[in-house]
Amino acid sequence: MALKLSPAGQRLATIIVSAPLMVATSWILYKRLVLGEERRTADGRAIRPAGVKVERTDERDL
């Protein structure tokens, strides 16, 4: 069951959901356009953040 929100509550919920998305998207674009960072591409391997070490157990995991 969805809670019925007033128009002001709907606007606030929209802001709460969309603001983090806008910040993250803006940060990624800033790093790419201003700082010249390369776009991340998927090559079929798992993407791990820099600095995260993985134990090598199987070649398929890499």
Protein backbone atom coordinates (compact mmCIF):
# COMPACT_ATOMS: atom_id res chain seq x y z
CA MET A 1 0.00 0.00 0.00
CA ALA A 2 1.40 3.34 -1.01
CA LEU A 3 1.19 6.27 1.35
CA LYS A 4 -0.77 9.19 -0.08
CA LEU A 5 1.39 12.32 0.05
CA SER A 6 0.38 15.93 -0.22
CA PRO A 7 1.74 17.86 -3.22
CA ALA A 8 4.45 19.35 -0.98
CA GLY A 9 5.36 15.87 0.25
CA GLN A 10 5.56 14.60 -3.32
CA ARG A 11 7.92 17.43 -4.24
CA LEU A 12 10.09 16.71 -1.21
CA ALA A 13 10.21 12.99 -2.02
CA THR A 14 11.20 13.81 -5.60
CA ILE A 15 14.01 16.06 -4.38
CA ILE A 16 15.25 13.44 -1.90
CA VAL A 17 15.42 10.80 -4.62
CA SER A 18 16.76 12.92 -7.47
CA ALA A 19 19.36 15.08 -5.67
CA PRO A 20 21.89 12.27 -5.03
CA LEU A 21 21.54 11.13 -8.65
CA MET A 22 22.23 14.64 -9.91
CA VAL A 23 25.26 15.05 -7.63
CA ALA A 24 26.78 11.72 -8.67
CA THR A 25 26.17 12.36 -12.37
CA SER A 26 27.61 15.87 -12.14
CA TRP A 27 30.72 14.59 -10.34
CA ILE A 28 31.34 11.91 -12.96
CA LEU A 29 30.93 14.43 -15.79
CA TYR A 30 33.21 16.92 -14.02
CA LYS A 31 35.95 14.31 -13.65
CA ARG A 32 35.59 13.35 -17.29
CA LEU A 33 35.31 16.79 -18.90
CA VAL A 34 37.43 19.00 -16.64
CA LEU A 35 39.99 16.59 -15.20
CA GLY A 36 40.31 14.53 -18.37
CA GLU A 37 39.61 11.15 -16.78
CA GLU A 38 38.91 8.36 -19.26
CA ARG A 39 35.47 6.86 -19.54
CA ARG A 40 35.07 3.51 -17.82
CA THR A 41 34.42 0.67 -20.22
CA ALA A 42 33.31 -2.88 -19.56
CA ASP A 43 35.64 -5.52 -20.94
CA GLY A 44 33.82 -8.50 -19.46
CA ARG A 45 35.73 -8.56 -16.19
CA ALA A 46 34.37 -7.50 -12.83
CA ILE A 47 34.91 -3.80 -12.11
CA ARG A 48 36.55 -3.20 -8.74
CA PRO A 49 37.41 0.15 -7.14
CA ALA A 50 41.07 1.12 -7.02
CA GLY A 51 42.82 -0.18 -3.94
CA VAL A 52 40.60 -3.24 -3.46
CA LYS A 53 42.68 -6.39 -3.47
CA VAL A 54 41.25 -9.70 -4.62
CA GLU A 55 42.51 -13.12 -3.68
CA ARG A 56 43.28 -15.10 -6.81
CA THR A 57 41.30 -18.31 -6.50
CA ASP A 58 40.22 -18.94 -10.06
CA GLU A 59 41.11 -17.38 -13.41
CA ARG A 60 37.41 -16.95 -14.22
CA ASP A 61 36.96 -14.54 -11.28
CA LEU A 62 39.41 -12.01 -12.73
